[in-house]
Amino acid sequence: MVVDKEFEVVVEAVEHDRVVVAVSGDLDLWGATKLHRPLMDALDTPVVVVDLSECGFCDSSGLRTLVQALAWAGQEGVSIRWAGVGTPVLRVFEMAGLLSELSLYPDVPSALKG
């Protein structure tokens, strides 16, 4: 088994009510496992921006983690904004029928402004 050690999650509080969760690398089983806890912890903040501009791949494991966060945010009244979603990941969202459920922005600054 090959493990992508290049996957990274960086969580940055931008303001008291906004957090950016930046994902870089492939969002596969390994990446989803590393992303789950930081993303769920970020949902204690009213606005969470998930920066996927450096994420080039998302499989069903990654999609499951993102959908779980989306569902939790909906229950708790948290706004999740998706920034910099590239074509490969956007295609996964589209195939899953999620495009109408997502607040998509071209980049982090746009997502922070809302």
PDB file of N, CA and C in Angstrom:
ATOM      1  N   MET A   1       0.841  -1.186   0.000  1.00  0.00           N
ATOM      2  CA  MET A   1       0.000   0.000   0.000  1.00  0.00           C
ATOM      3  C   MET A   1       0.884   1.247   0.000  1.00  0.00           C
ATOM      4  N   VAL A   2       0.539   2.184  -0.862  1.00  0.00           N
ATOM      5  CA  VAL A   2       1.267   3.444  -0.943  1.00  0.00           C
ATOM      6  C   VAL A   2       0.454   4.501  -0.218  1.00  0.00           C
ATOM      7  N   VAL A   3       1.083   5.208   0.687  1.00  0.00           N
ATOM      8  CA  VAL A   3       0.422   6.259   1.447  1.00  0.00           C
ATOM      9  C   VAL A   3       0.932   7.604   0.956  1.00  0.00           C
ATOM     10  N   ASP A   4       0.011   8.491   0.611  1.00  0.00           N
ATOM     11  CA  ASP A   4       0.378   9.822   0.145  1.00  0.00           C
ATOM     12  C   ASP A   4       0.721  10.690   1.342  1.00  0.00           C
ATOM     13  N   LYS A   5       1.986  10.867   1.592  1.00  0.00           N
ATOM     14  CA  LYS A   5       2.413  11.672   2.736  1.00  0.00           C
ATOM     15  C   LYS A   5       2.374  13.160   2.413  1.00  0.00           C
ATOM     16  N   GLU A   6       1.989  13.486   1.188  1.00  0.00           N
ATOM     17  CA  GLU A   6       1.906  14.882   0.793  1.00  0.00           C
ATOM     18  C   GLU A   6       0.578  15.511   1.190  1.00  0.00           C
ATOM     19  N   PHE A   7      -0.364  14.720   1.673  1.00  0.00           N
ATOM     20  CA  PHE A   7      -1.661  15.269   2.058  1.00  0.00           C
ATOM     21  C   PHE A   7      -1.489  16.121   3.305  1.00  0.00           C
ATOM     22  N   GLU A   8      -2.162  17.268   3.300  1.00  0.00           N
ATOM     23  CA  GLU A   8      -2.052  18.161   4.446  1.00  0.00           C
ATOM     24  C   GLU A   8      -3.368  18.914   4.656  1.00  0.00           C
ATOM     25  N   VAL A   9      -3.691  19.125   5.912  1.00  0.00           N
ATOM     26  CA  VAL A   9      -4.837  19.934   6.301  1.00  0.00           C
ATOM     27  C   VAL A   9      -4.312  21.053   7.188  1.00  0.00           C
ATOM     28  N   VAL A  10      -4.655  22.280   6.829  1.00  0.00           N
ATOM     29  CA  VAL A  10      -4.263  23.435   7.632  1.00  0.00           C
ATOM     30  C   VAL A  10      -5.538  24.181   8.016  1.00  0.00           C
ATOM     31  N   VAL A  11      -5.722  24.398   9.304  1.00  0.00           N
ATOM     32  CA  VAL A  11      -6.883  25.121   9.807  1.00  0.00           C
ATOM     33  C   VAL A  11      -6.400  26.470  10.327  1.00  0.00           C
ATOM     34  N   GLU A  12      -7.043  27.525   9.827  1.00  0.00           N
ATOM     35  CA  GLU A  12      -6.639  28.874  10.214  1.00  0.00           C
ATOM     36  C   GLU A  12      -7.868  29.688  10.596  1.00  0.00           C
ATOM     37  N   ALA A  13      -7.868  30.211  11.795  1.00  0.00           N
ATOM     38  CA  ALA A  13      -8.935  31.121  12.213  1.00  0.00           C
ATOM     39  C   ALA A  13      -8.627  32.483  11.613  1.00  0.00           C
ATOM     40  N   VAL A  14      -9.507  32.955  10.750  1.00  0.00           N
ATOM     41  CA  VAL A  14      -9.283  34.223  10.064  1.00  0.00           C
ATOM     42  C   VAL A  14      -9.863  35.370  10.883  1.00  0.00           C
ATOM     43  N   GLU A  15     -11.026  35.154  11.419  1.00  0.00           N
ATOM     44  CA  GLU A  15     -11.689  36.106  12.297  1.00  0.00           C
ATOM     45  C   GLU A  15     -12.336  35.285  13.403  1.00  0.00           C
ATOM     46  N   HIS A  16     -12.925  35.927  14.376  1.00  0.00           N
ATOM     47  CA  HIS A  16     -13.540  35.182  15.489  1.00  0.00           C
ATOM     48  C   HIS A  16     -14.676  34.275  15.016  1.00  0.00           C
ATOM     49  N   ASP A  17     -15.279  34.602  13.875  1.00  0.00           N
ATOM     50  CA  ASP A  17     -16.412  33.802  13.412  1.00  0.00           C
ATOM     51  C   ASP A  17     -16.171  33.123  12.063  1.00  0.00           C
ATOM     52  N   ARG A  18     -14.910  33.068  11.613  1.00  0.00           N
ATOM     53  CA  ARG A  18     -14.585  32.458  10.329  1.00  0.00           C
ATOM     54  C   ARG A  18     -13.308  31.624  10.437  1.00  0.00           C
ATOM     55  N   VAL A  19     -13.384  30.415   9.873  1.00  0.00           N
ATOM     56  CA  VAL A  19     -12.238  29.508   9.851  1.00  0.00           C
ATOM     57  C   VAL A  19     -12.045  29.010   8.424  1.00  0.00           C
ATOM     58  N   VAL A  20     -10.796  28.897   8.022  1.00  0.00           N
ATOM     59  CA  VAL A  20     -10.471  28.304   6.722  1.00  0.00           C
ATOM     60  C   VAL A  20      -9.818  26.958   6.974  1.00  0.00           C
ATOM     61  N   VAL A  21     -10.350  25.929   6.323  1.00  0.00           N
ATOM     62  CA  VAL A  21      -9.769  24.591   6.358  1.00  0.00           C
ATOM     63  C   VAL A  21      -9.220  24.335   4.965  1.00  0.00           C
ATOM     64  N   ALA A  22      -7.888  24.392   4.843  1.00  0.00           N
ATOM     65  CA  ALA A  22      -7.239  24.225   3.538  1.00  0.00           C
ATOM     66  C   ALA A  22      -6.757  22.783   3.379  1.00  0.00           C
ATOM     67  N   VAL A  23      -7.130  22.194   2.263  1.00  0.00           N
ATOM     68  CA  VAL A  23      -6.788  20.809   1.960  1.00  0.00           C
ATOM     69  C   VAL A  23      -5.826  20.805   0.787  1.00  0.00           C
ATOM     70  N   SER A  24      -4.718  20.086   0.929  1.00  0.00           N
ATOM     71  CA  SER A  24      -3.816  19.924  -0.212  1.00  0.00           C
ATOM     72  C   SER A  24      -3.471  18.445  -0.353  1.00  0.00           C
ATOM     73  N   GLY A  25      -3.504  17.984  -1.587  1.00  0.00           N
ATOM     74  CA  GLY A  25      -3.248  16.575  -1.869  1.00  0.00           C
ATOM     75  C   GLY A  25      -4.526  15.853  -2.233  1.00  0.00           C
ATOM     76  N   ASP A  26      -4.440  14.555  -2.367  1.00  0.00           N
ATOM     77  CA  ASP A  26      -5.581  13.738  -2.771  1.00  0.00           C
ATOM     78  C   ASP A  26      -6.486  13.429  -1.588  1.00  0.00           C
ATOM     79  N   LEU A  27      -7.758  13.650  -1.783  1.00  0.00           N
ATOM     80  CA  LEU A  27      -8.742  13.375  -0.742  1.00  0.00           C
ATOM     81  C   LEU A  27      -9.285  11.959  -0.958  1.00  0.00           C
ATOM     82  N   ASP A  28      -8.450  10.994  -0.624  1.00  0.00           N
ATOM     83  CA  ASP A  28      -8.785   9.578  -0.720  1.00  0.00           C
ATOM     84  C   ASP A  28      -8.982   9.050   0.706  1.00  0.00           C
ATOM     85  N   LEU A  29      -8.933   7.740   0.889  1.00  0.00           N
ATOM     86  CA  LEU A  29      -9.144   7.178   2.222  1.00  0.00           C
ATOM     87  C   LEU A  29      -8.158   7.752   3.236  1.00  0.00           C
ATOM     88  N   TRP A  30      -6.901   7.844   2.885  1.00  0.00           N
ATOM     89  CA  TRP A  30      -5.876   8.403   3.772  1.00  0.00           C
ATOM     90  C   TRP A  30      -6.175   9.865   4.093  1.00  0.00           C
ATOM     91  N   GLY A  31      -6.456  10.644   3.045  1.00  0.00           N
ATOM     92  CA  GLY A  31      -6.742  12.059   3.244  1.00  0.00           C
ATOM     93  C   GLY A  31      -8.018  12.298   4.027  1.00  0.00           C
ATOM     94  N   ALA A  32      -9.046  11.508   3.726  1.00  0.00           N
ATOM     95  CA  ALA A  32     -10.317  11.658   4.441  1.00  0.00           C
ATOM     96  C   ALA A  32     -10.142  11.382   5.929  1.00  0.00           C
ATOM     97  N   THR A  33      -9.326  10.399   6.241  1.00  0.00           N
ATOM     98  CA  THR A  33      -9.059  10.068   7.637  1.00  0.00           C
ATOM     99  C   THR A  33      -8.363  11.232   8.344  1.00  0.00           C
ATOM    100  N   LYS A  34      -7.418  11.861   7.649  1.00  0.00           N
ATOM    101  CA  LYS A  34      -6.703  12.999   8.245  1.00  0.00           C
ATOM    102  C   LYS A  34      -7.562  14.258   8.310  1.00  0.00           C
ATOM    103  N   LEU A  35      -8.517  14.394   7.391  1.00  0.00           N
ATOM    104  CA  LEU A  35      -9.347  15.597   7.333  1.00  0.00           C
ATOM    105  C   LEU A  35     -10.510  15.568   8.323  1.00  0.00           C
ATOM    106  N   HIS A  36     -11.028  14.406   8.605  1.00  0.00           N
ATOM    107  CA  HIS A  36     -12.275  14.288   9.361  1.00  0.00           C
ATOM    108  C   HIS A  36     -12.282  15.105  10.663  1.00  0.00           C
ATOM    109  N   ARG A  37     -11.377  14.859  11.569  1.00  0.00           N
ATOM    110  CA  ARG A  37     -11.391  15.525  12.875  1.00  0.00           C
ATOM    111  C   ARG A  37     -11.181  17.037  12.761  1.00  0.00           C
ATOM    112  N   PRO A  38     -10.166  17.522  12.016  1.00  0.00           N
ATOM    113  CA  PRO A  38     -10.007  18.978  11.936  1.00  0.00           C
ATOM    114  C   PRO A  38     -11.225  19.682  11.317  1.00  0.00           C
ATOM    115  N   LEU A  39     -11.832  19.039  10.325  1.00  0.00           N
ATOM    116  CA  LEU A  39     -12.999  19.649   9.692  1.00  0.00           C
ATOM    117  C   LEU A  39     -14.179  19.671  10.647  1.00  0.00           C
ATOM    118  N   MET A  40     -14.420  18.581  11.326  1.00  0.00           N
ATOM    119  CA  MET A  40     -15.535  18.543  12.272  1.00  0.00           C
ATOM    120  C   MET A  40     -15.311  19.523  13.430  1.00  0.00           C
ATOM    121  N   ASP A  41     -14.072  19.636  13.899  1.00  0.00           N
ATOM    122  CA  ASP A  41     -13.766  20.601  14.963  1.00  0.00           C
ATOM    123  C   ASP A  41     -14.001  22.040  14.503  1.00  0.00           C
ATOM    124  N   ALA A  42     -13.719  22.316  13.235  1.00  0.00           N
ATOM    125  CA  ALA A  42     -13.906  23.663  12.694  1.00  0.00           C
ATOM    126  C   ALA A  42     -15.373  24.061  12.677  1.00  0.00           C
ATOM    127  N   LEU A  43     -16.262  23.084  12.683  1.00  0.00           N
ATOM    128  CA  LEU A  43     -17.693  23.373  12.613  1.00  0.00           C
ATOM    129  C   LEU A  43     -18.260  23.976  13.894  1.00  0.00           C
ATOM    130  N   ASP A  44     -17.389  24.276  14.858  1.00  0.00           N
ATOM    131  CA  ASP A  44     -17.794  25.035  16.045  1.00  0.00           C
ATOM    132  C   ASP A  44     -17.850  26.524  15.735  1.00  0.00           C
ATOM    133  N   THR A  45     -17.445  26.898  14.538  1.00  0.00           N
ATOM    134  CA  THR A  45     -17.372  28.287  14.101  1.00  0.00           C
ATOM    135  C   THR A  45     -18.550  28.566  13.157  1.00  0.00           C
ATOM    136  N   PRO A  46     -19.149  29.747  13.207  1.00  0.00           N
ATOM    137  CA  PRO A  46     -20.318  30.023  12.368  1.00  0.00           C
ATOM    138  C   PRO A  46     -20.086  29.922  10.857  1.00  0.00           C
ATOM    139  N   VAL A  47     -18.882  30.273  10.383  1.00  0.00           N
ATOM    140  CA  VAL A  47     -18.586  30.208   8.953  1.00  0.00           C
ATOM    141  C   VAL A  47     -17.295  29.414   8.757  1.00  0.00           C
ATOM    142  N   VAL A  48     -17.390  28.363   7.968  1.00  0.00           N
ATOM    143  CA  VAL A  48     -16.228  27.533   7.650  1.00  0.00           C
ATOM    144  C   VAL A  48     -16.023  27.561   6.143  1.00  0.00           C
ATOM    145  N   VAL A  49     -14.824  27.953   5.732  1.00  0.00           N
ATOM    146  CA  VAL A  49     -14.460  27.924   4.314  1.00  0.00           C
ATOM    147  C   VAL A  49     -13.548  26.720   4.111  1.00  0.00           C
ATOM    148  N   VAL A  50     -13.961  25.823   3.232  1.00  0.00           N
ATOM    149  CA  VAL A  50     -13.145  24.667   2.887  1.00  0.00           C
ATOM    150  C   VAL A  50     -12.445  24.997   1.582  1.00  0.00           C
ATOM    151  N   ASP A  51     -11.139  25.182   1.665  1.00  0.00           N
ATOM    152  CA  ASP A  51     -10.326  25.545   0.506  1.00  0.00           C
ATOM    153  C   ASP A  51      -9.829  24.262  -0.165  1.00  0.00           C
ATOM    154  N   LEU A  52     -10.375  23.968  -1.334  1.00  0.00           N
ATOM    155  CA  LEU A  52      -9.994  22.772  -2.078  1.00  0.00           C
ATOM    156  C   LEU A  52      -9.160  23.102  -3.309  1.00  0.00           C
ATOM    157  N   SER A  53      -8.588  24.291  -3.346  1.00  0.00           N
ATOM    158  CA  SER A  53      -7.825  24.718  -4.527  1.00  0.00           C
ATOM    159  C   SER A  53      -6.575  23.879  -4.767  1.00  0.00           C
ATOM    160  N   GLU A  54      -6.060  23.233  -3.729  1.00  0.00           N
ATOM    161  CA  GLU A  54      -4.870  22.386  -3.871  1.00  0.00           C
ATOM    162  C   GLU A  54      -5.221  20.896  -3.793  1.00  0.00           C
ATOM    163  N   CYS A  55      -6.496  20.594  -3.926  1.00  0.00           N
ATOM    164  CA  CYS A  55      -6.970  19.208  -3.896  1.00  0.00           C
ATOM    165  C   CYS A  55      -7.306  18.800  -5.322  1.00  0.00           C
ATOM    166  N   GLY A  56      -6.586  17.826  -5.847  1.00  0.00           N
ATOM    167  CA  GLY A  56      -6.772  17.435  -7.236  1.00  0.00           C
ATOM    168  C   GLY A  56      -7.581  16.174  -7.444  1.00  0.00           C
ATOM    169  N   PHE A  57      -7.962  15.516  -6.359  1.00  0.00           N
ATOM    170  CA  PHE A  57      -8.666  14.239  -6.481  1.00  0.00           C
ATOM    171  C   PHE A  57      -9.521  14.025  -5.247  1.00  0.00           C
ATOM    172  N   CYS A  58     -10.699  13.457  -5.452  1.00  0.00           N
ATOM    173  CA  CYS A  58     -11.582  13.132  -4.334  1.00  0.00           C
ATOM    174  C   CYS A  58     -12.290  11.828  -4.675  1.00  0.00           C
ATOM    175  N   ASP A  59     -12.138  10.820  -3.817  1.00  0.00           N
ATOM    176  CA  ASP A  59     -12.855   9.562  -4.025  1.00  0.00           C
ATOM    177  C   ASP A  59     -14.052   9.494  -3.085  1.00  0.00           C
ATOM    178  N   SER A  60     -14.691   8.345  -3.012  1.00  0.00           N
ATOM    179  CA  SER A  60     -15.897   8.217  -2.192  1.00  0.00           C
ATOM    180  C   SER A  60     -15.623   8.432  -0.706  1.00  0.00           C
ATOM    181  N   SER A  61     -14.427   8.086  -0.254  1.00  0.00           N
ATOM    182  CA  SER A  61     -14.077   8.320   1.164  1.00  0.00           C
ATOM    183  C   SER A  61     -14.016   9.811   1.461  1.00  0.00           C
ATOM    184  N   GLY A  62     -13.374  10.540   0.579  1.00  0.00           N
ATOM    185  CA  GLY A  62     -13.300  11.987   0.743  1.00  0.00           C
ATOM    186  C   GLY A  62     -14.664  12.631   0.646  1.00  0.00           C
ATOM    187  N   LEU A  63     -15.455  12.176  -0.315  1.00  0.00           N
ATOM    188  CA  LEU A  63     -16.805  12.702  -0.479  1.00  0.00           C
ATOM    189  C   LEU A  63     -17.636  12.443   0.774  1.00  0.00           C
ATOM    190  N   ARG A  64     -17.511  11.263   1.351  1.00  0.00           N
ATOM    191  CA  ARG A  64     -18.257  10.934   2.569  1.00  0.00           C
ATOM    192  C   ARG A  64     -17.909  11.909   3.695  1.00  0.00           C
ATOM    193  N   THR A  65     -16.633  12.201   3.871  1.00  0.00           N
ATOM    194  CA  THR A  65     -16.205  13.136   4.915  1.00  0.00           C
ATOM    195  C   THR A  65     -16.791  14.524   4.681  1.00  0.00           C
ATOM    196  N   LEU A  66     -16.775  14.979   3.432  1.00  0.00           N
ATOM    197  CA  LEU A  66     -17.307  16.299   3.113  1.00  0.00           C
ATOM    198  C   LEU A  66     -18.824  16.349   3.298  1.00  0.00           C
ATOM    199  N   VAL A  67     -19.512  15.280   2.911  1.00  0.00           N
ATOM    200  CA  VAL A  67     -20.967  15.226   3.068  1.00  0.00           C
ATOM    201  C   VAL A  67     -21.349  15.166   4.551  1.00  0.00           C
ATOM    202  N   GLN A  68     -20.590  14.432   5.353  1.00  0.00           N
ATOM    203  CA  GLN A  68     -20.851  14.401   6.794  1.00  0.00           C
ATOM    204  C   GLN A  68     -20.733  15.800   7.395  1.00  0.00           C
ATOM    205  N   ALA A  69     -19.702  16.531   6.981  1.00  0.00           N
ATOM    206  CA  ALA A  69     -19.521  17.898   7.484  1.00  0.00           C
ATOM    207  C   ALA A  69     -20.670  18.789   7.022  1.00  0.00           C
ATOM    208  N   LEU A  70     -21.093  18.629   5.782  1.00  0.00           N
ATOM    209  CA  LEU A  70     -22.194  19.412   5.242  1.00  0.00           C
ATOM    210  C   LEU A  70     -23.480  19.138   6.026  1.00  0.00           C
ATOM    211  N   ALA A  71     -23.750  17.875   6.315  1.00  0.00           N
ATOM    212  CA  ALA A  71     -24.953  17.504   7.072  1.00  0.00           C
ATOM    213  C   ALA A  71     -24.911  18.070   8.488  1.00  0.00           C
ATOM    214  N   TRP A  72     -23.765  17.935   9.148  1.00  0.00           N
ATOM    215  CA  TRP A  72     -23.610  18.446  10.510  1.00  0.00           C
ATOM    216  C   TRP A  72     -23.788  19.968  10.525  1.00  0.00           C
ATOM    217  N   ALA A  73     -23.182  20.629   9.558  1.00  0.00           N
ATOM    218  CA  ALA A  73     -23.294  22.089   9.485  1.00  0.00           C
ATOM    219  C   ALA A  73     -24.749  22.508   9.319  1.00  0.00           C
ATOM    220  N   GLY A  74     -25.492  21.784   8.493  1.00  0.00           N
ATOM    221  CA  GLY A  74     -26.901  22.094   8.292  1.00  0.00           C
ATOM    222  C   GLY A  74     -27.705  21.958   9.564  1.00  0.00           C
ATOM    223  N   GLN A  75     -27.407  20.953  10.351  1.00  0.00           N
ATOM    224  CA  GLN A  75     -28.113  20.743  11.613  1.00  0.00           C
ATOM    225  C   GLN A  75     -27.785  21.821  12.637  1.00  0.00           C
ATOM    226  N   GLU A  76     -26.549  22.299  12.597  1.00  0.00           N
ATOM    227  CA  GLU A  76     -26.080  23.258  13.609  1.00  0.00           C
ATOM    228  C   GLU A  76     -26.154  24.714  13.167  1.00  0.00           C
ATOM    229  N   GLY A  77     -26.602  24.967  11.948  1.00  0.00           N
ATOM    230  CA  GLY A  77     -26.702  26.336  11.456  1.00  0.00           C
ATOM    231  C   GLY A  77     -25.374  26.959  11.075  1.00  0.00           C
ATOM    232  N   VAL A  78     -24.398  26.134  10.757  1.00  0.00           N
ATOM    233  CA  VAL A  78     -23.076  26.603  10.337  1.00  0.00           C
ATOM    234  C   VAL A  78     -23.075  26.744   8.816  1.00  0.00           C
ATOM    235  N   SER A  79     -22.469  27.806   8.328  1.00  0.00           N
ATOM    236  CA  SER A  79     -22.345  28.020   6.892  1.00  0.00           C
ATOM    237  C   SER A  79     -21.011  27.435   6.409  1.00  0.00           C
ATOM    238  N   ILE A  80     -21.096  26.431   5.521  1.00  0.00           N
ATOM    239  CA  ILE A  80     -19.876  25.908   4.883  1.00  0.00           C
ATOM    240  C   ILE A  80     -19.822  26.486   3.480  1.00  0.00           C
ATOM    241  N   ARG A  81     -18.679  27.081   3.180  1.00  0.00           N
ATOM    242  CA  ARG A  81     -18.441  27.651   1.855  1.00  0.00           C
ATOM    243  C   ARG A  81     -17.256  26.919   1.237  1.00  0.00           C
ATOM    244  N   TRP A  82     -17.382  26.557  -0.019  1.00  0.00           N
ATOM    245  CA  TRP A  82     -16.379  25.749  -0.707  1.00  0.00           C
ATOM    246  C   TRP A  82     -15.622  26.646  -1.676  1.00  0.00           C
ATOM    247  N   ALA A  83     -14.313  26.752  -1.505  1.00  0.00           N
ATOM    248  CA  ALA A  83     -13.503  27.674  -2.301  1.00  0.00           C
ATOM    249  C   ALA A  83     -12.529  26.924  -3.200  1.00  0.00           C
ATOM    250  N   GLY A  84     -12.364  27.436  -4.408  1.00  0.00           N
ATOM    251  CA  GLY A  84     -11.332  26.939  -5.312  1.00  0.00           C
ATOM    252  C   GLY A  84     -11.500  25.495  -5.739  1.00  0.00           C
ATOM    253  N   VAL A  85     -12.725  25.044  -5.860  1.00  0.00           N
ATOM    254  CA  VAL A  85     -12.961  23.641  -6.224  1.00  0.00           C
ATOM    255  C   VAL A  85     -12.603  23.454  -7.695  1.00  0.00           C
ATOM    256  N   GLY A  86     -11.596  22.613  -7.945  1.00  0.00           N
ATOM    257  CA  GLY A  86     -11.156  22.343  -9.308  1.00  0.00           C
ATOM    258  C   GLY A  86     -12.075  21.367 -10.018  1.00  0.00           C
ATOM    259  N   THR A  87     -11.883  21.247 -11.306  1.00  0.00           N
ATOM    260  CA  THR A  87     -12.744  20.415 -12.145  1.00  0.00           C
ATOM    261  C   THR A  87     -12.863  18.971 -11.677  1.00  0.00           C
ATOM    262  N   PRO A  88     -11.765  18.281 -11.319  1.00  0.00           N
ATOM    263  CA  PRO A  88     -11.923  16.879 -10.896  1.00  0.00           C
ATOM    264  C   PRO A  88     -12.814  16.723  -9.658  1.00  0.00           C
ATOM    265  N   VAL A  89     -12.656  17.585  -8.681  1.00  0.00           N
ATOM    266  CA  VAL A  89     -13.457  17.503  -7.457  1.00  0.00           C
ATOM    267  C   VAL A  89     -14.874  17.994  -7.741  1.00  0.00           C
ATOM    268  N   LEU A  90     -15.005  19.013  -8.547  1.00  0.00           N
ATOM    269  CA  LEU A  90     -16.329  19.516  -8.923  1.00  0.00           C
ATOM    270  C   LEU A  90     -17.128  18.426  -9.632  1.00  0.00           C
ATOM    271  N   ARG A  91     -16.466  17.645 -10.437  1.00  0.00           N
ATOM    272  CA  ARG A  91     -17.127  16.539 -11.146  1.00  0.00           C
ATOM    273  C   ARG A  91     -17.663  15.507 -10.150  1.00  0.00           C
ATOM    274  N   VAL A  92     -16.925  15.227  -9.083  1.00  0.00           N
ATOM    275  CA  VAL A  92     -17.384  14.297  -8.052  1.00  0.00           C
ATOM    276  C   VAL A  92     -18.630  14.861  -7.366  1.00  0.00           C
ATOM    277  N   PHE A  93     -18.606  16.148  -7.035  1.00  0.00           N
ATOM    278  CA  PHE A  93     -19.779  16.789  -6.438  1.00  0.00           C
ATOM    279  C   PHE A  93     -20.979  16.694  -7.382  1.00  0.00           C
ATOM    280  N   GLU A  94     -20.722  16.924  -8.665  1.00  0.00           N
ATOM    281  CA  GLU A  94     -21.787  16.876  -9.659  1.00  0.00           C
ATOM    282  C   GLU A  94     -22.371  15.466  -9.770  1.00  0.00           C
ATOM    283  N   MET A  95     -21.524  14.457  -9.841  1.00  0.00           N
ATOM    284  CA  MET A  95     -22.000  13.072  -9.944  1.00  0.00           C
ATOM    285  C   MET A  95     -22.796  12.655  -8.710  1.00  0.00           C
ATOM    286  N   ALA A  96     -22.440  13.220  -7.559  1.00  0.00           N
ATOM    287  CA  ALA A  96     -23.151  12.906  -6.321  1.00  0.00           C
ATOM    288  C   ALA A  96     -24.444  13.711  -6.180  1.00  0.00           C
ATOM    289  N   GLY A  97     -24.704  14.617  -7.111  1.00  0.00           N
ATOM    290  CA  GLY A  97     -25.921  15.425  -7.061  1.00  0.00           C
ATOM    291  C   GLY A  97     -25.898  16.507  -6.004  1.00  0.00           C
ATOM    292  N   LEU A  98     -24.703  17.006  -5.676  1.00  0.00           N
ATOM    293  CA  LEU A  98     -24.561  17.972  -4.583  1.00  0.00           C
ATOM    294  C   LEU A  98     -24.447  19.431  -5.008  1.00  0.00           C
ATOM    295  N   LEU A  99     -24.326  19.700  -6.285  1.00  0.00           N
ATOM    296  CA  LEU A  99     -24.032  21.075  -6.695  1.00  0.00           C
ATOM    297  C   LEU A  99     -25.063  22.082  -6.181  1.00  0.00           C
ATOM    298  N   SER A 100     -26.315  21.710  -6.150  1.00  0.00           N
ATOM    299  CA  SER A 100     -27.340  22.652  -5.674  1.00  0.00           C
ATOM    300  C   SER A 100     -27.285  22.858  -4.156  1.00  0.00           C
ATOM    301  N   GLU A 101     -26.577  21.976  -3.447  1.00  0.00           N
ATOM    302  CA  GLU A 101     -26.469  22.053  -1.984  1.00  0.00           C
ATOM    303  C   GLU A 101     -25.256  22.850  -1.515  1.00  0.00           C
ATOM    304  N   LEU A 102     -24.353  23.172  -2.437  1.00  0.00           N
ATOM    305  CA  LEU A 102     -23.066  23.754  -2.055  1.00  0.00           C
ATOM    306  C   LEU A 102     -22.998  25.242  -2.367  1.00  0.00           C
ATOM    307  N   SER A 103     -22.348  25.985  -1.482  1.00  0.00           N
ATOM    308  CA  SER A 103     -22.034  27.391  -1.735  1.00  0.00           C
ATOM    309  C   SER A 103     -20.616  27.437  -2.272  1.00  0.00           C
ATOM    310  N   LEU A 104     -20.493  27.553  -3.596  1.00  0.00           N
ATOM    311  CA  LEU A 104     -19.189  27.503  -4.260  1.00  0.00           C
ATOM    312  C   LEU A 104     -18.674  28.903  -4.548  1.00  0.00           C
ATOM    313  N   TYR A 105     -17.372  29.096  -4.296  1.00  0.00           N
ATOM    314  CA  TYR A 105     -16.710  30.371  -4.540  1.00  0.00           C
ATOM    315  C   TYR A 105     -15.407  30.116  -5.284  1.00  0.00           C
ATOM    316  N   PRO A 106     -14.965  31.067  -6.097  1.00  0.00           N
ATOM    317  CA  PRO A 106     -13.743  30.836  -6.870  1.00  0.00           C
ATOM    318  C   PRO A 106     -12.466  30.785  -6.030  1.00  0.00           C
ATOM    319  N   ASP A 107     -12.482  31.469  -4.877  1.00  0.00           N
ATOM    320  CA  ASP A 107     -11.281  31.508  -4.039  1.00  0.00           C
ATOM    321  C   ASP A 107     -11.646  31.822  -2.597  1.00  0.00           C
ATOM    322  N   VAL A 108     -10.667  31.719  -1.724  1.00  0.00           N
ATOM    323  CA  VAL A 108     -10.896  31.933  -0.291  1.00  0.00           C
ATOM    324  C   VAL A 108     -11.377  33.362   0.022  1.00  0.00           C
ATOM    325  N   PRO A 109     -10.747  34.411  -0.507  1.00  0.00           N
ATOM    326  CA  PRO A 109     -11.235  35.759  -0.182  1.00  0.00           C
ATOM    327  C   PRO A 109     -12.712  35.955  -0.533  1.00  0.00           C
ATOM    328  N   SER A 110     -13.138  35.441  -1.677  1.00  0.00           N
ATOM    329  CA  SER A 110     -14.554  35.554  -2.069  1.00  0.00           C
ATOM    330  C   SER A 110     -15.447  34.796  -1.103  1.00  0.00           C
ATOM    331  N   ALA A 111     -15.006  33.610  -0.697  1.00  0.00           N
ATOM    332  CA  ALA A 111     -15.794  32.797   0.231  1.00  0.00           C
ATOM    333  C   ALA A 111     -15.891  33.465   1.594  1.00  0.00           C
ATOM    334  N   LEU A 112     -14.823  34.086   2.038  1.00  0.00           N
ATOM    335  CA  LEU A 112     -14.850  34.768   3.341  1.00  0.00           C
ATOM    336  C   LEU A 112     -15.825  35.930   3.335  1.00  0.00           C
ATOM    337  N   LYS A 113     -15.907  36.633   2.202  1.00  0.00           N
ATOM    338  CA  LYS A 113     -16.837  37.753   2.084  1.00  0.00           C
ATOM    339  C   LYS A 113     -18.272  37.258   2.012  1.00  0.00           C
ATOM    340  N   GLY A 114     -18.458  36.083   1.375  1.00  0.00           N
ATOM    341  CA  GLY A 114     -19.796  35.486   1.279  1.00  0.00           C
ATOM    342  C   GLY A 114     -20.649  36.186   0.295  1.00  0.00           C
TER     343      GLY A 114
END
